[in-house]
Structure formats: C-alpha cells, structure tokens
Amino acid sequence: REAGRIRARSGRGVLVKAPKSSQDLRFDLPTVGSKTIEGVARAGLAGMAVIAGNTIAADTQGMIEAADRAGLFIEGLPA
C-alpha cells in the first residue's frame, strides 16, 4: 500500500496463495503461516485465500490466532 501497489481502501483486497501454472507440485508448494497473516494485516487487506490441498500451512494454530487478532479471514478454495 505504501509503495502504491495496492490502490484499494484499507480493509479491501485479498491475498491469494496458489501455485503457478508451471509449478511442480511434487517439490514446491506455496506456504503460508503467521508471518503471512502479519503481512496481510500490514498491507491493510481484508484476508487471505489459499488453494486447499495445494498450499502448506505452517503453524496452523498460530496462523489462525494471528488472523483472529487482526480481524482477518482465511478461506480455503477448491483446487
């Protein structure tokens, strides 16, 4: 937001974590955790969506607690 890359008002916008179309899912999956949630909060986004089954959630409980503290949502989307 500070760099001008996010133009929507604060509390709008969603981070979507998904593998790239050419990404080899056997070796390289997108990963999210509590630091990801902290970045979403700093960016002033509303929440985060991840592709279920194709995203690694590190420290799931810590991530959920961070999202709860920041008032953010986490949504799983079908692959």
N, C-alpha and C. Protein backbone atom coordinates (compact mmCIF):
# COMPACT_ATOMS: atom_id res chain seq x y z
N ARG A 1 0.84 -1.18 0.00
CA ARG A 1 0.00 0.00 0.00
C ARG A 1 0.89 1.25 0.00
N GLU A 2 1.92 1.27 0.84
CA GLU A 2 2.80 2.43 0.91
C GLU A 2 3.54 2.66 -0.40
N ALA A 3 3.85 1.59 -1.12
CA ALA A 3 4.57 1.71 -2.39
C ALA A 3 3.63 2.00 -3.55
N GLY A 4 2.32 2.08 -3.28
CA GLY A 4 1.36 2.38 -4.33
C GLY A 4 0.92 1.18 -5.14
N ARG A 5 1.32 -0.03 -4.72
CA ARG A 5 0.94 -1.23 -5.46
C ARG A 5 -0.47 -1.68 -5.12
N ILE A 6 -0.99 -1.27 -3.97
CA ILE A 6 -2.36 -1.60 -3.57
C ILE A 6 -3.13 -0.29 -3.54
N ARG A 7 -4.11 -0.18 -4.41
CA ARG A 7 -4.83 1.09 -4.53
C ARG A 7 -6.18 1.09 -3.82
N ALA A 8 -6.69 -0.08 -3.47
CA ALA A 8 -7.99 -0.16 -2.80
C ALA A 8 -7.89 0.41 -1.39
N ARG A 9 -9.03 0.85 -0.87
CA ARG A 9 -9.06 1.34 0.50
C ARG A 9 -8.66 0.23 1.47
N SER A 10 -8.18 0.62 2.63
CA SER A 10 -7.81 -0.35 3.66
C SER A 10 -9.01 -1.21 4.03
N GLY A 11 -8.76 -2.49 4.29
CA GLY A 11 -9.84 -3.43 4.61
C GLY A 11 -10.46 -4.06 3.39
N ARG A 12 -9.92 -3.76 2.22
CA ARG A 12 -10.38 -4.36 0.97
C ARG A 12 -9.19 -5.09 0.36
N GLY A 13 -9.48 -6.03 -0.47
CA GLY A 13 -8.42 -6.79 -1.12
C GLY A 13 -8.13 -8.07 -0.36
N VAL A 14 -7.64 -9.04 -1.11
CA VAL A 14 -7.38 -10.37 -0.57
C VAL A 14 -6.06 -10.88 -1.14
N LEU A 15 -5.24 -11.45 -0.28
CA LEU A 15 -4.05 -12.16 -0.75
C LEU A 15 -4.49 -13.56 -1.14
N VAL A 16 -4.15 -13.99 -2.35
CA VAL A 16 -4.47 -15.35 -2.80
C VAL A 16 -3.16 -16.10 -2.97
N LYS A 17 -3.00 -17.20 -2.22
CA LYS A 17 -1.82 -18.05 -2.35
C LYS A 17 -2.21 -19.27 -3.16
N ALA A 18 -1.60 -19.41 -4.32
CA ALA A 18 -1.90 -20.51 -5.22
C ALA A 18 -0.64 -20.86 -5.99
N PRO A 19 -0.50 -22.11 -6.37
CA PRO A 19 0.67 -22.48 -7.18
C PRO A 19 0.57 -21.86 -8.57
N LYS A 20 1.72 -21.58 -9.13
CA LYS A 20 1.78 -21.09 -10.52
C LYS A 20 1.41 -22.24 -11.45
N SER A 21 0.95 -21.93 -12.62
CA SER A 21 0.51 -22.98 -13.55
C SER A 21 1.64 -23.94 -13.92
N SER A 22 2.88 -23.46 -13.92
CA SER A 22 4.01 -24.32 -14.29
C SER A 22 4.75 -24.90 -13.07
N GLN A 23 4.24 -24.66 -11.88
CA GLN A 23 4.91 -25.08 -10.65
C GLN A 23 4.79 -26.59 -10.47
N ASP A 24 5.90 -27.24 -10.14
CA ASP A 24 5.91 -28.68 -9.91
C ASP A 24 5.44 -28.95 -8.48
N LEU A 25 4.21 -29.41 -8.34
CA LEU A 25 3.60 -29.60 -7.02
C LEU A 25 4.20 -30.75 -6.24
N ARG A 26 5.04 -31.56 -6.86
CA ARG A 26 5.71 -32.64 -6.14
C ARG A 26 6.80 -32.10 -5.23
N PHE A 27 7.36 -30.95 -5.56
CA PHE A 27 8.52 -30.43 -4.84
C PHE A 27 8.35 -29.04 -4.27
N ASP A 28 7.39 -28.28 -4.78
CA ASP A 28 7.33 -26.86 -4.45
C ASP A 28 5.88 -26.41 -4.32
N LEU A 29 5.44 -26.23 -3.08
CA LEU A 29 4.08 -25.75 -2.84
C LEU A 29 4.11 -24.38 -2.18
N PRO A 30 3.12 -23.53 -2.46
CA PRO A 30 3.03 -22.27 -1.72
C PRO A 30 2.87 -22.57 -0.23
N THR A 31 3.45 -21.72 0.60
CA THR A 31 3.41 -21.92 2.04
C THR A 31 2.90 -20.65 2.72
N VAL A 32 2.05 -20.82 3.73
CA VAL A 32 1.54 -19.69 4.50
C VAL A 32 1.72 -19.99 5.98
N GLY A 33 1.75 -18.94 6.77
CA GLY A 33 1.87 -19.09 8.22
C GLY A 33 1.53 -17.79 8.89
N SER A 34 1.89 -17.68 10.16
CA SER A 34 1.54 -16.48 10.92
C SER A 34 2.23 -15.24 10.37
N LYS A 35 3.44 -15.38 9.82
CA LYS A 35 4.11 -14.22 9.21
C LYS A 35 3.37 -13.74 7.97
N THR A 36 2.78 -14.67 7.24
CA THR A 36 1.97 -14.29 6.08
C THR A 36 0.79 -13.45 6.54
N ILE A 37 0.14 -13.87 7.61
CA ILE A 37 -1.01 -13.14 8.15
C ILE A 37 -0.57 -11.76 8.63
N GLU A 38 0.58 -11.67 9.26
CA GLU A 38 1.09 -10.37 9.70
C GLU A 38 1.29 -9.45 8.51
N GLY A 39 1.78 -9.98 7.40
CA GLY A 39 1.96 -9.19 6.18
C GLY A 39 0.63 -8.74 5.59
N VAL A 40 -0.37 -9.63 5.62
CA VAL A 40 -1.71 -9.28 5.15
C VAL A 40 -2.26 -8.14 5.99
N ALA A 41 -2.08 -8.21 7.30
CA ALA A 41 -2.56 -7.15 8.20
C ALA A 41 -1.83 -5.83 7.92
N ARG A 42 -0.50 -5.88 7.77
CA ARG A 42 0.29 -4.66 7.50
C ARG A 42 -0.14 -4.02 6.18
N ALA A 43 -0.50 -4.85 5.20
CA ALA A 43 -0.92 -4.33 3.90
C ALA A 43 -2.33 -3.77 3.93
N GLY A 44 -3.05 -3.98 5.03
CA GLY A 44 -4.41 -3.46 5.14
C GLY A 44 -5.42 -4.23 4.31
N LEU A 45 -5.13 -5.52 4.05
CA LEU A 45 -6.06 -6.34 3.30
C LEU A 45 -7.14 -6.90 4.21
N ALA A 46 -8.19 -7.45 3.61
CA ALA A 46 -9.30 -8.00 4.39
C ALA A 46 -9.04 -9.43 4.85
N GLY A 47 -8.21 -10.16 4.10
CA GLY A 47 -7.95 -11.55 4.47
C GLY A 47 -7.12 -12.26 3.42
N MET A 48 -7.14 -13.60 3.51
CA MET A 48 -6.31 -14.42 2.64
C MET A 48 -7.10 -15.63 2.17
N ALA A 49 -6.92 -16.00 0.92
CA ALA A 49 -7.50 -17.22 0.37
C ALA A 49 -6.35 -18.12 -0.07
N VAL A 50 -6.49 -19.42 0.19
CA VAL A 50 -5.47 -20.39 -0.21
C VAL A 50 -6.14 -21.51 -0.99
N ILE A 51 -5.38 -22.12 -1.87
CA ILE A 51 -5.89 -23.26 -2.63
C ILE A 51 -5.73 -24.49 -1.74
N ALA A 52 -6.85 -25.03 -1.29
CA ALA A 52 -6.84 -26.18 -0.38
C ALA A 52 -6.21 -27.39 -1.07
N GLY A 53 -5.35 -28.07 -0.36
CA GLY A 53 -4.69 -29.25 -0.90
C GLY A 53 -3.45 -28.93 -1.69
N ASN A 54 -3.25 -27.67 -2.06
CA ASN A 54 -2.06 -27.26 -2.82
C ASN A 54 -1.29 -26.16 -2.13
N THR A 55 -1.51 -25.99 -0.82
CA THR A 55 -0.82 -24.98 -0.04
C THR A 55 -0.43 -25.58 1.30
N ILE A 56 0.80 -25.34 1.72
CA ILE A 56 1.25 -25.81 3.03
C ILE A 56 0.94 -24.73 4.05
N ALA A 57 0.29 -25.11 5.14
CA ALA A 57 0.01 -24.19 6.23
C ALA A 57 0.96 -24.52 7.38
N ALA A 58 1.96 -23.68 7.58
CA ALA A 58 2.92 -23.85 8.67
C ALA A 58 2.34 -23.22 9.93
N ASP A 59 2.45 -23.89 11.05
CA ASP A 59 1.94 -23.40 12.32
C ASP A 59 0.48 -22.94 12.17
N THR A 60 -0.37 -23.89 11.84
CA THR A 60 -1.77 -23.59 11.56
C THR A 60 -2.43 -22.85 12.71
N GLN A 61 -2.24 -23.30 13.92
CA GLN A 61 -2.88 -22.66 15.07
C GLN A 61 -2.39 -21.23 15.23
N GLY A 62 -1.08 -21.00 15.09
CA GLY A 62 -0.53 -19.64 15.18
C GLY A 62 -1.08 -18.74 14.09
N MET A 63 -1.26 -19.30 12.91
CA MET A 63 -1.82 -18.53 11.80
C MET A 63 -3.27 -18.13 12.09
N ILE A 64 -4.05 -19.05 12.61
CA ILE A 64 -5.45 -18.77 12.95
C ILE A 64 -5.52 -17.72 14.05
N GLU A 65 -4.69 -17.86 15.07
CA GLU A 65 -4.69 -16.89 16.17
C GLU A 65 -4.29 -15.50 15.67
N ALA A 66 -3.29 -15.43 14.79
CA ALA A 66 -2.87 -14.14 14.23
C ALA A 66 -4.00 -13.51 13.41
N ALA A 67 -4.70 -14.33 12.64
CA ALA A 67 -5.82 -13.82 11.83
C ALA A 67 -6.94 -13.34 12.75
N ASP A 68 -7.23 -14.08 13.81
CA ASP A 68 -8.27 -13.66 14.76
C ASP A 68 -7.91 -12.33 15.41
N ARG A 69 -6.66 -12.19 15.84
CA ARG A 69 -6.22 -10.94 16.48
C ARG A 69 -6.35 -9.75 15.54
N ALA A 70 -6.04 -9.98 14.27
CA ALA A 70 -6.07 -8.90 13.29
C ALA A 70 -7.45 -8.70 12.66
N GLY A 71 -8.40 -9.58 12.96
CA GLY A 71 -9.74 -9.46 12.39
C GLY A 71 -9.78 -9.80 10.91
N LEU A 72 -8.93 -10.75 10.50
CA LEU A 72 -8.83 -11.15 9.10
C LEU A 72 -9.48 -12.52 8.88
N PHE A 73 -9.86 -12.78 7.65
CA PHE A 73 -10.40 -14.11 7.33
C PHE A 73 -9.35 -14.93 6.59
N ILE A 74 -9.50 -16.24 6.68
CA ILE A 74 -8.71 -17.19 5.88
C ILE A 74 -9.73 -18.11 5.22
N GLU A 75 -9.66 -18.22 3.92
CA GLU A 75 -10.63 -19.02 3.15
C GLU A 75 -9.87 -20.05 2.33
N GLY A 76 -10.36 -21.29 2.36
CA GLY A 76 -9.81 -22.34 1.51
C GLY A 76 -10.65 -22.46 0.24
N LEU A 77 -9.98 -22.45 -0.89
CA LEU A 77 -10.67 -22.56 -2.18
C LEU A 77 -10.36 -23.92 -2.81
N PRO A 78 -11.28 -24.47 -3.58
CA PRO A 78 -11.01 -25.77 -4.20
C PRO A 78 -9.91 -25.66 -5.26
N ALA A 79 -9.17 -26.75 -5.41
CA ALA A 79 -8.08 -26.77 -6.40
C ALA A 79 -8.63 -26.78 -7.80
